[in-house]
């Protein structure tokens, strides 16, 4: 008889599960969602086995639901993620994140001389590469690459 050891994590009554986070991106997702100071229960796992991706991460956040703009942030750092809303212990929606064609207001322009970094102008980018994540600034026309993305 095989001796299996498992860690059981209790289900959440109301909240959000972010599943299929790419390996190495769990802490970044927690940071962009400002979960470091969240006072309700948070469960997270990293480098978990995944049949589809090899390794994945998961975050369960009790009592918190995310706005579309927050889901767009998740898409930029974890494009394979699935956002699952739980109400009364039941799945009420399951959404594969999708990188939008336009990013408005929550990413800082990489160019220090851009008007958005020097005046009160809301940033606006066109997403020109969804695979390698490249954002084209509407104002200065510089390209911000995935590794240079800073969230406002």
Protein backbone atom coordinates (compact mmCIF):
# COMPACT_ATOMS: atom_id res chain seq x y z
CA UNK A 1 0.00 0.00 0.00
CA UNK A 2 1.33 3.39 -1.02
CA UNK A 3 1.73 5.96 1.76
CA UNK A 4 0.62 9.34 0.39
CA UNK A 5 1.02 12.55 2.33
CA UNK A 6 -1.13 15.51 1.44
CA UNK A 7 -1.68 18.95 2.85
CA UNK A 8 -5.39 19.72 2.94
CA UNK A 9 -6.31 23.38 2.52
CA UNK A 10 -9.80 24.36 3.56
CA UNK A 11 -12.21 25.70 0.97
CA UNK A 12 -13.02 29.40 1.08
CA UNK A 13 -16.60 30.49 1.64
CA UNK A 14 -16.39 33.75 -0.33
CA UNK A 15 -13.41 35.05 -2.25
CA UNK A 16 -11.18 34.48 -5.23
CA UNK A 17 -8.83 31.72 -6.34
CA UNK A 18 -6.11 32.62 -8.83
CA UNK A 19 -4.91 29.35 -10.34
CA UNK A 20 -2.40 28.39 -13.05
CA UNK A 21 0.02 31.19 -12.14
CA UNK A 22 3.31 30.62 -14.01
CA UNK A 23 6.23 29.30 -11.98
CA UNK A 24 8.03 32.17 -10.26
CA UNK A 25 5.18 34.70 -10.54
CA UNK A 26 3.17 34.02 -7.34
CA UNK A 27 4.91 36.67 -5.22
CA UNK A 28 4.69 39.23 -8.04
CA UNK A 29 0.92 38.64 -8.34
CA UNK A 30 0.56 39.06 -4.57
CA UNK A 31 2.53 42.32 -4.72
CA UNK A 32 0.58 43.90 -7.61
CA UNK A 33 -2.70 43.05 -5.85
CA UNK A 34 -1.41 44.57 -2.58
CA UNK A 35 -2.00 41.34 -0.68
CA UNK A 36 1.05 41.79 1.59
CA UNK A 37 -1.04 43.74 4.12
CA UNK A 38 -4.37 41.99 3.54
CA UNK A 39 -5.85 40.95 6.89
CA UNK A 40 -8.13 38.06 5.88
CA UNK A 41 -6.98 34.53 5.05
CA UNK A 42 -4.66 34.00 2.10
CA UNK A 43 -3.39 30.62 1.01
CA UNK A 44 -0.71 30.41 -1.62
CA UNK A 45 1.41 27.72 -3.15
CA UNK A 46 4.31 27.91 -5.55
CA UNK A 47 6.07 25.34 -7.72
CA UNK A 48 3.13 22.95 -7.49
CA UNK A 49 2.74 20.13 -9.99
CA UNK A 50 0.60 20.92 -13.01
CA UNK A 51 -0.28 18.48 -15.79
CA UNK A 52 -0.75 21.36 -18.22
CA UNK A 53 2.23 23.61 -17.31
CA UNK A 54 4.70 21.39 -15.45
CA UNK A 55 4.83 23.77 -12.46
CA UNK A 56 2.30 26.36 -11.34
CA UNK A 57 1.26 28.59 -8.47
CA UNK A 58 -2.08 29.25 -6.80
CA UNK A 59 -3.43 31.97 -4.51
CA UNK A 60 -6.70 31.70 -2.54
CA UNK A 61 -7.94 35.01 -1.12
CA UNK A 62 -10.83 34.88 1.33
CA UNK A 63 -13.28 37.78 1.31
CA UNK A 64 -11.80 39.58 -1.69
CA UNK A 65 -13.00 39.94 -5.28
CA UNK A 66 -10.91 41.66 -7.94
CA UNK A 67 -11.85 44.51 -10.25
CA UNK A 68 -11.34 44.25 -14.04
CA UNK A 69 -8.27 46.53 -13.81
CA UNK A 70 -6.73 44.21 -11.19
CA UNK A 71 -7.43 41.20 -13.41
CA UNK A 72 -5.66 43.04 -16.26
CA UNK A 73 -2.62 43.44 -13.97
CA UNK A 74 -2.69 39.70 -13.28
CA UNK A 75 -2.81 39.06 -17.06
CA UNK A 76 0.38 41.07 -17.62
CA UNK A 77 2.45 39.08 -15.09
CA UNK A 78 0.60 35.74 -15.21
CA UNK A 79 -0.96 35.35 -18.68
CA UNK A 80 -1.90 31.69 -18.09
CA UNK A 81 -3.81 32.42 -14.87
CA UNK A 82 -7.44 31.57 -14.22
CA UNK A 83 -9.50 33.73 -11.84
CA UNK A 84 -12.24 31.83 -10.01
CA UNK A 85 -14.90 33.59 -7.90
CA UNK A 86 -16.31 31.62 -4.98
CA UNK A 87 -19.58 32.54 -3.20
CA UNK A 88 -21.08 30.33 -0.48
CA UNK A 89 -18.41 27.69 -1.25
CA UNK A 90 -19.60 27.45 -4.87
CA UNK A 91 -17.78 28.49 -8.06
CA UNK A 92 -19.82 31.33 -9.56
CA UNK A 93 -17.41 32.31 -12.33
CA UNK A 94 -14.20 31.06 -13.86
CA UNK A 95 -12.26 33.35 -16.17
CA UNK A 96 -9.03 32.79 -18.06
CA UNK A 97 -7.22 36.12 -17.92
CA UNK A 98 -6.71 37.92 -21.20
CA UNK A 99 -4.19 40.64 -21.89
CA UNK A 100 -6.17 43.66 -23.06
CA UNK A 101 -5.31 45.52 -26.27
CA UNK A 102 -4.96 48.77 -24.34
CA UNK A 103 -3.57 49.48 -20.86
CA UNK A 104 -4.79 52.71 -19.26
CA UNK A 105 -3.68 54.18 -15.96
CA UNK A 106 -1.95 51.38 -14.08
CA UNK A 107 1.45 50.93 -15.76
CA UNK A 108 4.22 53.53 -15.59
CA UNK A 109 5.99 54.54 -18.81
CA UNK A 110 9.58 53.30 -19.02
CA UNK A 111 10.75 56.64 -20.50
CA UNK A 112 11.67 59.09 -17.71
CA UNK A 113 11.11 62.02 -20.13
CA UNK A 114 7.56 60.94 -21.00
CA UNK A 115 4.92 63.54 -20.16
CA UNK A 116 3.15 60.94 -17.98
CA UNK A 117 6.18 60.87 -15.66
CA UNK A 118 6.41 64.66 -15.38
CA UNK A 119 2.82 65.92 -15.41
CA UNK A 120 -0.57 64.68 -14.24
CA UNK A 121 -1.36 62.71 -17.39
CA UNK A 122 -2.84 59.21 -17.20
CA UNK A 123 -0.68 56.62 -18.94
CA UNK A 124 -2.01 54.89 -22.04
CA UNK A 125 -0.39 52.01 -23.91
CA UNK A 126 -1.23 49.81 -26.86
CA UNK A 127 -0.22 46.20 -26.35
CA UNK A 128 1.86 45.40 -29.43
CA UNK A 129 3.09 41.94 -28.37
CA UNK A 130 0.95 39.75 -26.09
CA UNK A 131 3.39 36.82 -26.08
CA UNK A 132 6.54 38.70 -25.07
CA UNK A 133 4.56 41.62 -23.52
CA UNK A 134 5.52 44.86 -25.17
CA UNK A 135 3.61 48.08 -24.53
CA UNK A 136 3.70 51.09 -26.86
CA UNK A 137 3.25 54.45 -25.11
CA UNK A 138 0.53 56.61 -26.64
CA UNK A 139 2.42 59.83 -25.75
CA UNK A 140 6.17 59.30 -26.22
CA UNK A 141 5.92 56.20 -28.46
CA UNK A 142 8.61 54.33 -26.47
CA UNK A 143 8.24 50.58 -25.93
CA UNK A 144 8.02 49.22 -22.38
CA UNK A 145 9.01 45.55 -22.23
CA UNK A 146 7.71 43.01 -19.73
CA UNK A 147 10.85 43.11 -17.58
CA UNK A 148 10.53 46.92 -17.25
CA UNK A 149 6.85 47.08 -16.29
CA UNK A 150 6.21 49.06 -13.11
CA UNK A 151 2.67 49.27 -11.81
CA UNK A 152 1.24 52.58 -10.53
